[in-house]
Amino acid sequence: MKTPVSDIGEQRFLLACAQAGDERAFRRLVEPYRRALEVHCYRMLGSAQDAEDMAQETLLRAWRALERFEPRVQFQTWLYRIATNACLDELERRPRRPEPVDPFPDRPGDETASPTYDPAARYAIREGMELALLRAIQELPGRQRAVL
């Protein structure tokens, strides 16, 4: 796993080179954040493919706006803000459509009372609840989703 440039001097140097048009310096500066940006975009958009596209769009927007980057702001924070705005733009472009969700049992957890209840079933239930939560978050308007 790549780690963000930890030396402030090195980060400033790479930033100055990137602002002067050095694409390799820019790639070296942003590459450690790529996976985290994809995860951030996935949480907002709910699709791995869309998240990958928005992470790429984020890096493109960052490259174009690099000359306006203010060093008093953390570079990572700046990238996340660009990613959030890119995702919000994408959500506004999408038509709102309800997606079907499997109904929850009337009383979740009833299966734990069964003597045949096993850990694999418990894991499946937990995973189903996590997916349901993600699905519910996807139904929120973009700005509310960004908060979560």
N, C-alpha and C. Protein backbone atom coordinates (compact mmCIF):
# COMPACT_ATOMS: atom_id res chain seq x y z
N MET A 1 0.85 -1.18 0.00
CA MET A 1 0.00 0.00 0.00
C MET A 1 0.89 1.23 0.00
N LYS A 2 0.55 2.17 -0.83
CA LYS A 2 1.32 3.40 -0.88
C LYS A 2 0.83 4.32 0.23
N THR A 3 1.75 5.07 0.77
CA THR A 3 1.38 6.00 1.83
C THR A 3 1.52 7.41 1.31
N PRO A 4 0.71 8.33 1.84
CA PRO A 4 0.83 9.72 1.41
C PRO A 4 2.23 10.25 1.70
N VAL A 5 2.62 11.22 0.92
CA VAL A 5 3.92 11.85 1.12
C VAL A 5 3.92 12.44 2.51
N SER A 6 4.79 11.92 3.38
CA SER A 6 4.76 12.33 4.78
C SER A 6 5.63 13.54 5.06
N ASP A 7 6.67 13.71 4.31
CA ASP A 7 7.56 14.84 4.51
C ASP A 7 6.93 16.09 3.89
N ILE A 8 6.68 17.08 4.72
CA ILE A 8 6.04 18.31 4.25
C ILE A 8 6.88 18.96 3.16
N GLY A 9 8.19 18.94 3.33
CA GLY A 9 9.07 19.52 2.32
C GLY A 9 8.93 18.82 0.98
N GLU A 10 8.88 17.49 1.02
CA GLU A 10 8.72 16.72 -0.21
C GLU A 10 7.36 17.00 -0.85
N GLN A 11 6.32 17.07 -0.01
CA GLN A 11 4.99 17.36 -0.54
C GLN A 11 4.96 18.74 -1.20
N ARG A 12 5.56 19.71 -0.56
CA ARG A 12 5.61 21.07 -1.15
C ARG A 12 6.39 21.06 -2.46
N PHE A 13 7.48 20.31 -2.49
CA PHE A 13 8.28 20.22 -3.71
C PHE A 13 7.46 19.59 -4.84
N LEU A 14 6.81 18.46 -4.54
CA LEU A 14 5.98 17.80 -5.56
C LEU A 14 4.84 18.70 -6.01
N LEU A 15 4.26 19.41 -5.06
CA LEU A 15 3.17 20.33 -5.39
C LEU A 15 3.66 21.44 -6.31
N ALA A 16 4.81 22.02 -6.00
CA ALA A 16 5.37 23.08 -6.84
C ALA A 16 5.68 22.55 -8.24
N CYS A 17 6.23 21.35 -8.31
CA CYS A 17 6.52 20.75 -9.62
C CYS A 17 5.23 20.49 -10.39
N ALA A 18 4.23 19.97 -9.71
CA ALA A 18 2.95 19.69 -10.36
C ALA A 18 2.30 20.99 -10.83
N GLN A 19 2.36 22.03 -10.02
CA GLN A 19 1.79 23.32 -10.42
C GLN A 19 2.53 23.90 -11.62
N ALA A 20 3.78 23.51 -11.80
CA ALA A 20 4.56 23.96 -12.95
C ALA A 20 4.30 23.09 -14.18
N GLY A 21 3.43 22.07 -14.03
CA GLY A 21 3.05 21.24 -15.17
C GLY A 21 3.64 19.85 -15.20
N ASP A 22 4.33 19.43 -14.16
CA ASP A 22 4.96 18.11 -14.11
C ASP A 22 3.91 17.06 -13.73
N GLU A 23 3.48 16.28 -14.72
CA GLU A 23 2.44 15.27 -14.49
C GLU A 23 2.92 14.14 -13.59
N ARG A 24 4.19 13.77 -13.70
CA ARG A 24 4.71 12.70 -12.84
C ARG A 24 4.69 13.11 -11.37
N ALA A 25 5.02 14.35 -11.10
CA ALA A 25 4.98 14.84 -9.72
C ALA A 25 3.54 14.82 -9.21
N PHE A 26 2.60 15.20 -10.07
CA PHE A 26 1.19 15.18 -9.67
C PHE A 26 0.75 13.75 -9.38
N ARG A 27 1.11 12.82 -10.26
CA ARG A 27 0.75 11.41 -10.04
C ARG A 27 1.32 10.89 -8.72
N ARG A 28 2.55 11.23 -8.45
CA ARG A 28 3.18 10.79 -7.21
C ARG A 28 2.49 11.41 -6.00
N LEU A 29 2.03 12.62 -6.15
CA LEU A 29 1.35 13.32 -5.07
C LEU A 29 -0.02 12.72 -4.77
N VAL A 30 -0.78 12.35 -5.81
CA VAL A 30 -2.17 11.90 -5.62
C VAL A 30 -2.34 10.39 -5.54
N GLU A 31 -1.40 9.63 -6.06
CA GLU A 31 -1.57 8.17 -6.12
C GLU A 31 -1.89 7.54 -4.76
N PRO A 32 -1.25 7.94 -3.68
CA PRO A 32 -1.57 7.33 -2.38
C PRO A 32 -3.02 7.56 -1.93
N TYR A 33 -3.69 8.54 -2.50
CA TYR A 33 -5.06 8.85 -2.09
C TYR A 33 -6.11 8.21 -3.00
N ARG A 34 -5.69 7.62 -4.11
CA ARG A 34 -6.65 7.12 -5.11
C ARG A 34 -7.66 6.13 -4.52
N ARG A 35 -7.19 5.14 -3.81
CA ARG A 35 -8.10 4.12 -3.26
C ARG A 35 -9.07 4.73 -2.25
N ALA A 36 -8.57 5.60 -1.38
CA ALA A 36 -9.44 6.25 -0.39
C ALA A 36 -10.49 7.12 -1.08
N LEU A 37 -10.12 7.76 -2.18
CA LEU A 37 -11.08 8.56 -2.93
C LEU A 37 -12.15 7.68 -3.56
N GLU A 38 -11.76 6.51 -4.06
CA GLU A 38 -12.73 5.58 -4.63
C GLU A 38 -13.72 5.11 -3.57
N VAL A 39 -13.23 4.82 -2.39
CA VAL A 39 -14.11 4.39 -1.29
C VAL A 39 -15.06 5.53 -0.91
N HIS A 40 -14.53 6.74 -0.82
CA HIS A 40 -15.36 7.91 -0.49
C HIS A 40 -16.47 8.08 -1.54
N CYS A 41 -16.10 7.99 -2.81
CA CYS A 41 -17.09 8.14 -3.89
C CYS A 41 -18.09 6.99 -3.88
N TYR A 42 -17.64 5.78 -3.56
CA TYR A 42 -18.55 4.64 -3.49
C TYR A 42 -19.62 4.86 -2.42
N ARG A 43 -19.20 5.38 -1.29
CA ARG A 43 -20.15 5.63 -0.21
C ARG A 43 -21.20 6.65 -0.62
N MET A 44 -20.83 7.57 -1.46
CA MET A 44 -21.79 8.58 -1.90
C MET A 44 -22.65 8.09 -3.06
N LEU A 45 -22.08 7.28 -3.95
CA LEU A 45 -22.78 6.92 -5.18
C LEU A 45 -23.37 5.51 -5.16
N GLY A 46 -22.81 4.61 -4.37
CA GLY A 46 -23.36 3.27 -4.26
C GLY A 46 -23.02 2.34 -5.40
N SER A 47 -22.09 2.72 -6.25
CA SER A 47 -21.71 1.89 -7.38
C SER A 47 -20.19 1.92 -7.52
N ALA A 48 -19.59 0.74 -7.60
CA ALA A 48 -18.13 0.67 -7.72
C ALA A 48 -17.65 1.31 -9.02
N GLN A 49 -18.38 1.07 -10.10
CA GLN A 49 -17.99 1.64 -11.40
C GLN A 49 -18.10 3.16 -11.37
N ASP A 50 -19.21 3.67 -10.83
CA ASP A 50 -19.37 5.12 -10.73
C ASP A 50 -18.32 5.73 -9.80
N ALA A 51 -17.99 5.01 -8.74
CA ALA A 51 -16.98 5.51 -7.80
C ALA A 51 -15.61 5.62 -8.48
N GLU A 52 -15.28 4.62 -9.27
CA GLU A 52 -14.01 4.66 -10.00
C GLU A 52 -13.99 5.83 -10.98
N ASP A 53 -15.11 6.03 -11.68
CA ASP A 53 -15.21 7.16 -12.61
C ASP A 53 -15.08 8.50 -11.89
N MET A 54 -15.75 8.62 -10.74
CA MET A 54 -15.71 9.89 -10.01
C MET A 54 -14.34 10.13 -9.37
N ALA A 55 -13.66 9.08 -8.97
CA ALA A 55 -12.30 9.26 -8.45
C ALA A 55 -11.40 9.78 -9.57
N GLN A 56 -11.57 9.25 -10.76
CA GLN A 56 -10.81 9.73 -11.92
C GLN A 56 -11.18 11.18 -12.23
N GLU A 57 -12.46 11.48 -12.18
CA GLU A 57 -12.92 12.86 -12.41
C GLU A 57 -12.34 13.80 -11.35
N THR A 58 -12.26 13.32 -10.12
CA THR A 58 -11.68 14.11 -9.03
C THR A 58 -10.24 14.48 -9.34
N LEU A 59 -9.47 13.50 -9.79
CA LEU A 59 -8.07 13.77 -10.10
C LEU A 59 -7.93 14.71 -11.29
N LEU A 60 -8.81 14.58 -12.25
CA LEU A 60 -8.80 15.49 -13.39
C LEU A 60 -9.12 16.92 -12.95
N ARG A 61 -10.15 17.05 -12.11
CA ARG A 61 -10.51 18.38 -11.59
C ARG A 61 -9.38 18.96 -10.74
N ALA A 62 -8.74 18.11 -9.96
CA ALA A 62 -7.63 18.57 -9.12
C ALA A 62 -6.48 19.07 -9.99
N TRP A 63 -6.18 18.34 -11.05
CA TRP A 63 -5.11 18.75 -11.96
C TRP A 63 -5.42 20.11 -12.57
N ARG A 64 -6.66 20.29 -13.00
CA ARG A 64 -7.06 21.56 -13.62
C ARG A 64 -7.06 22.72 -12.62
N ALA A 65 -7.34 22.43 -11.36
CA ALA A 65 -7.44 23.49 -10.35
C ALA A 65 -6.18 23.62 -9.50
N LEU A 66 -5.15 22.91 -9.86
CA LEU A 66 -3.94 22.88 -9.03
C LEU A 66 -3.34 24.26 -8.80
N GLU A 67 -3.43 25.11 -9.78
CA GLU A 67 -2.85 26.46 -9.62
C GLU A 67 -3.59 27.27 -8.56
N ARG A 68 -4.82 26.88 -8.25
CA ARG A 68 -5.60 27.61 -7.24
C ARG A 68 -5.50 26.98 -5.85
N PHE A 69 -4.75 25.89 -5.73
CA PHE A 69 -4.58 25.24 -4.43
C PHE A 69 -3.87 26.18 -3.47
N GLU A 70 -4.43 26.29 -2.27
CA GLU A 70 -3.83 27.14 -1.24
C GLU A 70 -3.09 26.25 -0.23
N PRO A 71 -1.78 26.46 -0.07
CA PRO A 71 -0.98 25.59 0.81
C PRO A 71 -1.43 25.58 2.27
N ARG A 72 -2.22 26.56 2.70
CA ARG A 72 -2.68 26.55 4.10
C ARG A 72 -3.72 25.45 4.34
N VAL A 73 -4.25 24.88 3.27
CA VAL A 73 -5.23 23.79 3.35
C VAL A 73 -4.48 22.47 3.16
N GLN A 74 -4.88 21.45 3.90
CA GLN A 74 -4.26 20.13 3.71
C GLN A 74 -4.61 19.60 2.33
N PHE A 75 -3.64 19.04 1.64
CA PHE A 75 -3.85 18.53 0.29
C PHE A 75 -4.93 17.46 0.27
N GLN A 76 -4.91 16.55 1.24
CA GLN A 76 -5.91 15.48 1.30
C GLN A 76 -7.31 16.05 1.47
N THR A 77 -7.47 17.04 2.31
CA THR A 77 -8.77 17.67 2.53
C THR A 77 -9.27 18.30 1.23
N TRP A 78 -8.36 18.94 0.52
CA TRP A 78 -8.70 19.57 -0.75
C TRP A 78 -9.19 18.53 -1.76
N LEU A 79 -8.50 17.39 -1.84
CA LEU A 79 -8.92 16.31 -2.75
C LEU A 79 -10.30 15.77 -2.37
N TYR A 80 -10.54 15.57 -1.08
CA TYR A 80 -11.83 15.06 -0.64
C TYR A 80 -12.96 16.04 -0.96
N ARG A 81 -12.69 17.31 -0.84
CA ARG A 81 -13.71 18.32 -1.16
C ARG A 81 -14.05 18.26 -2.65
N ILE A 82 -13.03 18.13 -3.47
CA ILE A 82 -13.26 18.00 -4.92
C ILE A 82 -14.06 16.74 -5.21
N ALA A 83 -13.72 15.64 -4.55
CA ALA A 83 -14.44 14.37 -4.75
C ALA A 83 -15.89 14.50 -4.33
N THR A 84 -16.13 15.13 -3.19
CA THR A 84 -17.50 15.32 -2.71
C THR A 84 -18.30 16.14 -3.71
N ASN A 85 -17.73 17.22 -4.20
CA ASN A 85 -18.43 18.06 -5.17
C ASN A 85 -18.68 17.32 -6.48
N ALA A 86 -17.72 16.51 -6.92
CA ALA A 86 -17.91 15.72 -8.14
C ALA A 86 -19.06 14.73 -7.97
N CYS A 87 -19.12 14.09 -6.81
CA CYS A 87 -20.20 13.13 -6.53
C CYS A 87 -21.55 13.84 -6.45
N LEU A 88 -21.58 14.99 -5.80
CA LEU A 88 -22.84 15.74 -5.71
C LEU A 88 -23.31 16.17 -7.10
N ASP A 89 -22.38 16.59 -7.95
CA ASP A 89 -22.74 16.94 -9.33
C ASP A 89 -23.32 15.74 -10.06
N GLU A 90 -22.70 14.58 -9.87
CA GLU A 90 -23.19 13.36 -10.51
C GLU A 90 -24.58 12.99 -9.99
N LEU A 91 -24.80 13.11 -8.71
CA LEU A 91 -26.11 12.78 -8.13
C LEU A 91 -27.19 13.73 -8.65
N GLU A 92 -26.85 14.98 -8.85
CA GLU A 92 -27.83 15.94 -9.38
C GLU A 92 -28.17 15.63 -10.83
N ARG A 93 -27.21 15.09 -11.58
CA ARG A 93 -27.47 14.74 -12.98
C ARG A 93 -28.34 13.50 -13.13
N ARG A 94 -28.29 12.63 -12.15
CA ARG A 94 -29.04 11.37 -12.23
C ARG A 94 -30.53 11.61 -12.03
N PRO A 95 -31.33 10.86 -12.77
CA PRO A 95 -32.77 10.91 -12.46
C PRO A 95 -33.02 10.16 -11.16
N ARG A 96 -33.92 10.67 -10.36
CA ARG A 96 -34.26 9.97 -9.10
C ARG A 96 -35.14 8.80 -9.44
N ARG A 97 -34.72 7.64 -9.05
CA ARG A 97 -35.53 6.45 -9.29
C ARG A 97 -35.47 5.58 -8.05
N PRO A 98 -36.61 5.14 -7.60
CA PRO A 98 -36.61 4.25 -6.43
C PRO A 98 -36.08 2.88 -6.82
N GLU A 99 -35.29 2.30 -5.95
CA GLU A 99 -34.78 0.96 -6.19
C GLU A 99 -35.43 0.02 -5.20
N PRO A 100 -35.86 -1.16 -5.66
CA PRO A 100 -36.54 -2.09 -4.76
C PRO A 100 -35.60 -2.58 -3.66
N VAL A 101 -36.16 -2.72 -2.49
CA VAL A 101 -35.42 -3.21 -1.34
C VAL A 101 -36.20 -4.37 -0.76
N ASP A 102 -35.51 -5.47 -0.46
CA ASP A 102 -36.19 -6.59 0.17
C ASP A 102 -36.66 -6.16 1.55
N PRO A 103 -37.88 -6.52 1.91
CA PRO A 103 -38.38 -6.12 3.23
C PRO A 103 -37.63 -6.82 4.35
N PHE A 104 -37.51 -6.12 5.46
CA PHE A 104 -36.91 -6.71 6.64
C PHE A 104 -37.93 -7.62 7.30
N PRO A 105 -37.47 -8.61 8.06
CA PRO A 105 -38.42 -9.43 8.83
C PRO A 105 -39.13 -8.54 9.85
N ASP A 106 -40.31 -8.95 10.26
CA ASP A 106 -41.07 -8.16 11.23
C ASP A 106 -40.28 -7.93 12.51
N ARG A 107 -39.60 -8.95 12.95
CA ARG A 107 -38.83 -8.83 14.19
C ARG A 107 -37.43 -9.38 13.95
N PRO A 108 -36.50 -8.51 13.51
CA PRO A 108 -35.15 -9.02 13.28
C PRO A 108 -34.55 -9.55 14.57
N GLY A 109 -33.83 -10.63 14.44
CA GLY A 109 -33.20 -11.22 15.61
C GLY A 109 -33.94 -12.42 16.15
N ASP A 110 -35.18 -12.69 15.64
CA ASP A 110 -35.94 -13.84 16.12
C ASP A 110 -35.18 -15.14 15.88
N GLU A 111 -34.38 -15.18 14.80
CA GLU A 111 -33.67 -16.40 14.48
C GLU A 111 -32.60 -16.74 15.51
N THR A 112 -32.19 -15.80 16.34
CA THR A 112 -31.17 -16.09 17.35
C THR A 112 -31.72 -16.98 18.46
N ALA A 113 -33.04 -17.01 18.62
CA ALA A 113 -33.64 -17.85 19.65
C ALA A 113 -33.61 -19.32 19.25
N SER A 114 -33.42 -19.61 17.98
CA SER A 114 -33.42 -20.98 17.50
C SER A 114 -32.16 -21.71 17.95
N PRO A 115 -32.30 -22.96 18.42
CA PRO A 115 -31.12 -23.71 18.84
C PRO A 115 -30.21 -24.06 17.66
N THR A 116 -30.74 -24.02 16.44
CA THR A 116 -29.93 -24.36 15.28
C THR A 116 -29.24 -23.14 14.67
N TYR A 117 -29.35 -22.02 15.33
CA TYR A 117 -28.75 -20.79 14.83
C TYR A 117 -27.23 -20.94 14.79
N ASP A 118 -26.64 -20.65 13.63
CA ASP A 118 -25.19 -20.81 13.51
C ASP A 118 -24.51 -19.48 13.15
N PRO A 119 -23.21 -19.37 13.36
CA PRO A 119 -22.48 -18.12 13.10
C PRO A 119 -22.57 -17.67 11.64
N ALA A 120 -22.61 -18.60 10.70
CA ALA A 120 -22.70 -18.23 9.29
C ALA A 120 -24.01 -17.49 9.01
N ALA A 121 -25.10 -17.97 9.61
CA ALA A 121 -26.39 -17.31 9.44
C ALA A 121 -26.35 -15.92 10.08
N ARG A 122 -25.72 -15.83 11.22
CA ARG A 122 -25.61 -14.54 11.91
C ARG A 122 -24.83 -13.55 11.04
N TYR A 123 -23.75 -14.02 10.43
CA TYR A 123 -22.96 -13.18 9.54
C TYR A 123 -23.79 -12.72 8.35
N ALA A 124 -24.56 -13.63 7.77
CA ALA A 124 -25.41 -13.28 6.62
C ALA A 124 -26.44 -12.23 7.00
N ILE A 125 -27.01 -12.35 8.18
CA ILE A 125 -27.99 -11.37 8.64
C ILE A 125 -27.33 -10.01 8.82
N ARG A 126 -26.17 -10.01 9.45
CA ARG A 126 -25.46 -8.74 9.68
C ARG A 126 -25.10 -8.09 8.34
N GLU A 127 -24.62 -8.89 7.40
CA GLU A 127 -24.27 -8.36 6.09
C GLU A 127 -25.50 -7.80 5.38
N GLY A 128 -26.63 -8.49 5.51
CA GLY A 128 -27.87 -8.00 4.92
C GLY A 128 -28.30 -6.67 5.52
N MET A 129 -28.12 -6.53 6.82
CA MET A 129 -28.49 -5.27 7.48
C MET A 129 -27.57 -4.14 7.03
N GLU A 130 -26.28 -4.43 6.85
CA GLU A 130 -25.35 -3.41 6.37
C GLU A 130 -25.73 -2.97 4.97
N LEU A 131 -26.08 -3.93 4.12
CA LEU A 131 -26.50 -3.59 2.76
C LEU A 131 -27.78 -2.76 2.76
N ALA A 132 -28.70 -3.11 3.66
CA ALA A 132 -29.94 -2.34 3.76
C ALA A 132 -29.65 -0.91 4.21
N LEU A 133 -28.73 -0.75 5.14
CA LEU A 133 -28.35 0.59 5.59
C LEU A 133 -27.73 1.38 4.44
N LEU A 134 -26.82 0.75 3.70
CA LEU A 134 -26.23 1.44 2.55
C LEU A 134 -27.29 1.82 1.53
N ARG A 135 -28.24 0.93 1.31
CA ARG A 135 -29.33 1.22 0.36
C ARG A 135 -30.15 2.40 0.85
N ALA A 136 -30.45 2.45 2.15
CA ALA A 136 -31.21 3.56 2.71
C ALA A 136 -30.44 4.87 2.56
N ILE A 137 -29.14 4.82 2.78
CA ILE A 137 -28.33 6.03 2.62
C ILE A 137 -28.37 6.50 1.17
N GLN A 138 -28.41 5.56 0.23
CA GLN A 138 -28.46 5.92 -1.19
C GLN A 138 -29.75 6.65 -1.55
N GLU A 139 -30.78 6.47 -0.76
CA GLU A 139 -32.05 7.13 -1.04
C GLU A 139 -32.08 8.58 -0.55
N LEU A 140 -31.12 8.96 0.27
CA LEU A 140 -31.07 10.34 0.77
C LEU A 140 -30.66 11.29 -0.35
N PRO A 141 -31.09 12.54 -0.26
CA PRO A 141 -30.59 13.54 -1.22
C PRO A 141 -29.07 13.66 -1.09
N GLY A 142 -28.43 14.08 -2.16
CA GLY A 142 -26.98 14.12 -2.23
C GLY A 142 -26.30 14.85 -1.09
N ARG A 143 -26.80 16.00 -0.72
CA ARG A 143 -26.14 16.79 0.33
C ARG A 143 -26.24 16.10 1.69
N GLN A 144 -27.37 15.45 1.96
CA GLN A 144 -27.50 14.70 3.22
C GLN A 144 -26.58 13.48 3.20
N ARG A 145 -26.47 12.85 2.04
CA ARG A 145 -25.60 11.70 1.90
C ARG A 145 -24.14 12.11 2.12
N ALA A 146 -23.77 13.28 1.66
CA ALA A 146 -22.39 13.76 1.82
C ALA A 146 -22.03 13.91 3.30
N VAL A 147 -23.01 14.27 4.12
CA VAL A 147 -22.77 14.43 5.55
C VAL A 147 -22.41 13.09 6.17
N LEU A 148 -23.10 12.05 5.75
CA LEU A 148 -22.83 10.71 6.30
C LEU A 148 -21.55 10.16 5.76
